[in-house]
Amino acid sequence: MQGLRRLELVTREEFDVQSQVLARTRARLEELEGQVARLEAELTRGRP
């Protein structure tokens, strides 16, 4: 029992909230990666 007291545990609610934040962050990162790829492709083709 002593070992369990030293662990830094979070509630299920805190875990779920952080999981949702991470999912939104990943989705936004994928959007931004797509934008960068499109911009790079435009620059490669010589478009401003």
PDB file of N, CA and C in Angstrom:
ATOM      1  N   MET A   1       0.826  -1.191   0.000  1.00  0.00           N
ATOM      2  CA  MET A   1       0.000   0.000   0.000  1.00  0.00           C
ATOM      3  C   MET A   1       0.865   1.247   0.000  1.00  0.00           C
ATOM      4  N   GLN A   2       2.012   1.201   0.635  1.00  0.00           N
ATOM      5  CA  GLN A   2       2.922   2.346   0.687  1.00  0.00           C
ATOM      6  C   GLN A   2       3.318   2.789  -0.721  1.00  0.00           C
ATOM      7  N   GLY A   3       3.584   1.829  -1.597  1.00  0.00           N
ATOM      8  CA  GLY A   3       3.984   2.144  -2.965  1.00  0.00           C
ATOM      9  C   GLY A   3       2.900   2.866  -3.740  1.00  0.00           C
ATOM     10  N   LEU A   4       1.652   2.500  -3.516  1.00  0.00           N
ATOM     11  CA  LEU A   4       0.547   3.156  -4.212  1.00  0.00           C
ATOM     12  C   LEU A   4       0.407   4.613  -3.812  1.00  0.00           C
ATOM     13  N   ARG A   5       0.706   4.942  -2.589  1.00  0.00           N
ATOM     14  CA  ARG A   5       0.588   6.327  -2.126  1.00  0.00           C
ATOM     15  C   ARG A   5       1.594   7.234  -2.816  1.00  0.00           C
ATOM     16  N   ARG A   6       2.716   6.685  -3.221  1.00  0.00           N
ATOM     17  CA  ARG A   6       3.760   7.502  -3.860  1.00  0.00           C
ATOM     18  C   ARG A   6       3.497   7.734  -5.342  1.00  0.00           C
ATOM     19  N   LEU A   7       2.610   6.959  -5.943  1.00  0.00           N
ATOM     20  CA  LEU A   7       2.303   7.123  -7.362  1.00  0.00           C
ATOM     21  C   LEU A   7       1.498   8.392  -7.591  1.00  0.00           C
ATOM     22  N   GLU A   8       1.798   9.066  -8.683  1.00  0.00           N
ATOM     23  CA  GLU A   8       1.024  10.243  -9.047  1.00  0.00           C
ATOM     24  C   GLU A   8      -0.087   9.797  -9.997  1.00  0.00           C
ATOM     25  N   LEU A   9      -1.260   9.557  -9.466  1.00  0.00           N
ATOM     26  CA  LEU A   9      -2.382   9.042 -10.236  1.00  0.00           C
ATOM     27  C   LEU A   9      -3.353  10.167 -10.578  1.00  0.00           C
ATOM     28  N   VAL A  10      -4.081   9.995 -11.658  1.00  0.00           N
ATOM     29  CA  VAL A  10      -5.109  10.956 -12.044  1.00  0.00           C
ATOM     30  C   VAL A  10      -6.453  10.249 -12.053  1.00  0.00           C
ATOM     31  N   THR A  11      -7.500  11.029 -11.970  1.00  0.00           N
ATOM     32  CA  THR A  11      -8.838  10.440 -12.020  1.00  0.00           C
ATOM     33  C   THR A  11      -9.155  10.049 -13.460  1.00  0.00           C
ATOM     34  N   ARG A  12     -10.132   9.226 -13.618  1.00  0.00           N
ATOM     35  CA  ARG A  12     -10.575   8.820 -14.961  1.00  0.00           C
ATOM     36  C   ARG A  12     -11.048  10.049 -15.735  1.00  0.00           C
ATOM     37  N   GLU A  13     -11.724  10.959 -15.052  1.00  0.00           N
ATOM     38  CA  GLU A  13     -12.219  12.177 -15.703  1.00  0.00           C
ATOM     39  C   GLU A  13     -11.049  13.010 -16.235  1.00  0.00           C
ATOM     40  N   GLU A  14     -10.006  13.179 -15.438  1.00  0.00           N
ATOM     41  CA  GLU A  14      -8.823  13.935 -15.882  1.00  0.00           C
ATOM     42  C   GLU A  14      -8.166  13.244 -17.078  1.00  0.00           C
ATOM     43  N   PHE A  15      -8.101  11.935 -17.022  1.00  0.00           N
ATOM     44  CA  PHE A  15      -7.513  11.169 -18.121  1.00  0.00           C
ATOM     45  C   PHE A  15      -8.323  11.357 -19.397  1.00  0.00           C
ATOM     46  N   ASP A  16      -9.647  11.268 -19.279  1.00  0.00           N
ATOM     47  CA  ASP A  16     -10.514  11.425 -20.449  1.00  0.00           C
ATOM     48  C   ASP A  16     -10.394  12.821 -21.049  1.00  0.00           C
ATOM     49  N   VAL A  17     -10.335  13.831 -20.193  1.00  0.00           N
ATOM     50  CA  VAL A  17     -10.187  15.204 -20.681  1.00  0.00           C
ATOM     51  C   VAL A  17      -8.881  15.349 -21.446  1.00  0.00           C
ATOM     52  N   GLN A  18      -7.806  14.841 -20.902  1.00  0.00           N
ATOM     53  CA  GLN A  18      -6.511  14.948 -21.569  1.00  0.00           C
ATOM     54  C   GLN A  18      -6.482  14.142 -22.866  1.00  0.00           C
ATOM     55  N   SER A  19      -7.174  13.038 -22.905  1.00  0.00           N
ATOM     56  CA  SER A  19      -7.265  12.244 -24.134  1.00  0.00           C
ATOM     57  C   SER A  19      -7.988  13.029 -25.225  1.00  0.00           C
ATOM     58  N   GLN A  20      -9.040  13.737 -24.844  1.00  0.00           N
ATOM     59  CA  GLN A  20      -9.773  14.559 -25.805  1.00  0.00           C
ATOM     60  C   GLN A  20      -8.914  15.720 -26.300  1.00  0.00           C
ATOM     61  N   VAL A  21      -8.177  16.344 -25.402  1.00  0.00           N
ATOM     62  CA  VAL A  21      -7.281  17.433 -25.789  1.00  0.00           C
ATOM     63  C   VAL A  21      -6.237  16.907 -26.774  1.00  0.00           C
ATOM     64  N   LEU A  22      -5.674  15.752 -26.492  1.00  0.00           N
ATOM     65  CA  LEU A  22      -4.678  15.164 -27.367  1.00  0.00           C
ATOM     66  C   LEU A  22      -5.272  14.847 -28.742  1.00  0.00           C
ATOM     67  N   ALA A  23      -6.475  14.324 -28.781  1.00  0.00           N
ATOM     68  CA  ALA A  23      -7.116  13.999 -30.059  1.00  0.00           C
ATOM     69  C   ALA A  23      -7.330  15.264 -30.883  1.00  0.00           C
ATOM     70  N   ARG A  24      -7.790  16.351 -30.242  1.00  0.00           N
ATOM     71  CA  ARG A  24      -7.978  17.619 -30.960  1.00  0.00           C
ATOM     72  C   ARG A  24      -6.648  18.169 -31.451  1.00  0.00           C
ATOM     73  N   THR A  25      -5.622  18.045 -30.633  1.00  0.00           N
ATOM     74  CA  THR A  25      -4.296  18.542 -31.008  1.00  0.00           C
ATOM     75  C   THR A  25      -3.753  17.752 -32.194  1.00  0.00           C
ATOM     76  N   ARG A  26      -3.926  16.452 -32.182  1.00  0.00           N
ATOM     77  CA  ARG A  26      -3.474  15.626 -33.308  1.00  0.00           C
ATOM     78  C   ARG A  26      -4.207  16.001 -34.587  1.00  0.00           C
ATOM     79  N   ALA A  27      -5.519  16.208 -34.493  1.00  0.00           N
ATOM     80  CA  ALA A  27      -6.305  16.578 -35.668  1.00  0.00           C
ATOM     81  C   ALA A  27      -5.838  17.924 -36.220  1.00  0.00           C
ATOM     82  N   ARG A  28      -5.597  18.876 -35.348  1.00  0.00           N
ATOM     83  CA  ARG A  28      -5.121  20.195 -35.787  1.00  0.00           C
ATOM     84  C   ARG A  28      -3.731  20.084 -36.413  1.00  0.00           C
ATOM     85  N   LEU A  29      -2.876  19.275 -35.843  1.00  0.00           N
ATOM     86  CA  LEU A  29      -1.540  19.070 -36.400  1.00  0.00           C
ATOM     87  C   LEU A  29      -1.631  18.488 -37.810  1.00  0.00           C
ATOM     88  N   GLU A  30      -2.524  17.530 -38.016  1.00  0.00           N
ATOM     89  CA  GLU A  30      -2.695  16.948 -39.340  1.00  0.00           C
ATOM     90  C   GLU A  30      -3.180  17.995 -40.332  1.00  0.00           C
ATOM     91  N   GLU A  31      -4.095  18.881 -39.907  1.00  0.00           N
ATOM     92  CA  GLU A  31      -4.561  19.963 -40.769  1.00  0.00           C
ATOM     93  C   GLU A  31      -3.406  20.876 -41.162  1.00  0.00           C
ATOM     94  N   LEU A  32      -2.611  21.248 -40.186  1.00  0.00           N
ATOM     95  CA  LEU A  32      -1.482  22.149 -40.444  1.00  0.00           C
ATOM     96  C   LEU A  32      -0.435  21.490 -41.339  1.00  0.00           C
ATOM     97  N   GLU A  33      -0.193  20.203 -41.132  1.00  0.00           N
ATOM     98  CA  GLU A  33       0.743  19.488 -41.999  1.00  0.00           C
ATOM     99  C   GLU A  33       0.248  19.494 -43.442  1.00  0.00           C
ATOM    100  N   GLY A  34      -1.049  19.342 -43.621  1.00  0.00           N
ATOM    101  CA  GLY A  34      -1.629  19.385 -44.967  1.00  0.00           C
ATOM    102  C   GLY A  34      -1.461  20.753 -45.593  1.00  0.00           C
ATOM    103  N   GLN A  35      -1.681  21.805 -44.811  1.00  0.00           N
ATOM    104  CA  GLN A  35      -1.503  23.162 -45.323  1.00  0.00           C
ATOM    105  C   GLN A  35      -0.060  23.398 -45.738  1.00  0.00           C
ATOM    106  N   VAL A  36       0.878  22.982 -44.920  1.00  0.00           N
ATOM    107  CA  VAL A  36       2.303  23.149 -45.240  1.00  0.00           C
ATOM    108  C   VAL A  36       2.638  22.390 -46.520  1.00  0.00           C
ATOM    109  N   ALA A  37       2.137  21.178 -46.650  1.00  0.00           N
ATOM    110  CA  ALA A  37       2.420  20.383 -47.848  1.00  0.00           C
ATOM    111  C   ALA A  37       1.868  21.080 -49.091  1.00  0.00           C
ATOM    112  N   ARG A  38       0.657  21.637 -48.995  1.00  0.00           N
ATOM    113  CA  ARG A  38       0.075  22.346 -50.140  1.00  0.00           C
ATOM    114  C   ARG A  38       0.887  23.587 -50.486  1.00  0.00           C
ATOM    115  N   LEU A  39       1.294  24.337 -49.483  1.00  0.00           N
ATOM    116  CA  LEU A  39       2.101  25.535 -49.720  1.00  0.00           C
ATOM    117  C   LEU A  39       3.452  25.180 -50.338  1.00  0.00           C
ATOM    118  N   GLU A  40       4.073  24.123 -49.841  1.00  0.00           N
ATOM    119  CA  GLU A  40       5.343  23.696 -50.407  1.00  0.00           C
ATOM    120  C   GLU A  40       5.184  23.278 -51.861  1.00  0.00           C
ATOM    121  N   ALA A  41       4.072  22.581 -52.168  1.00  0.00           N
ATOM    122  CA  ALA A  41       3.819  22.153 -53.537  1.00  0.00           C
ATOM    123  C   ALA A  41       3.632  23.367 -54.441  1.00  0.00           C
ATOM    124  N   GLU A  42       2.923  24.380 -53.963  1.00  0.00           N
ATOM    125  CA  GLU A  42       2.740  25.604 -54.746  1.00  0.00           C
ATOM    126  C   GLU A  42       4.073  26.286 -54.995  1.00  0.00           C
ATOM    127  N   LEU A  43       4.915  26.365 -53.991  1.00  0.00           N
ATOM    128  CA  LEU A  43       6.224  26.991 -54.160  1.00  0.00           C
ATOM    129  C   LEU A  43       7.083  26.221 -55.143  1.00  0.00           C
ATOM    130  N   THR A  44       6.986  24.907 -55.107  1.00  0.00           N
ATOM    131  CA  THR A  44       7.767  24.064 -56.015  1.00  0.00           C
ATOM    132  C   THR A  44       7.327  24.285 -57.452  1.00  0.00           C
ATOM    133  N   ARG A  45       6.035  24.525 -57.644  1.00  0.00           N
ATOM    134  CA  ARG A  45       5.510  24.760 -58.997  1.00  0.00           C
ATOM    135  C   ARG A  45       5.772  26.197 -59.461  1.00  0.00           C
ATOM    136  N   GLY A  46       6.278  27.038 -58.556  1.00  0.00           N
ATOM    137  CA  GLY A  46       6.606  28.408 -58.924  1.00  0.00           C
ATOM    138  C   GLY A  46       5.471  29.409 -58.731  1.00  0.00           C
ATOM    139  N   ARG A  47       4.454  29.007 -57.993  1.00  0.00           N
ATOM    140  CA  ARG A  47       3.363  29.932 -57.695  1.00  0.00           C
ATOM    141  C   ARG A  47       3.690  30.716 -56.445  1.00  0.00           C
ATOM    142  N   PRO A  48       3.259  31.956 -56.395  1.00  0.00           N
ATOM    143  CA  PRO A  48       3.469  32.751 -55.159  1.00  0.00           C
ATOM    144  C   PRO A  48       2.562  32.313 -54.039  1.00  0.00           C
TER     145      PRO A  48
END
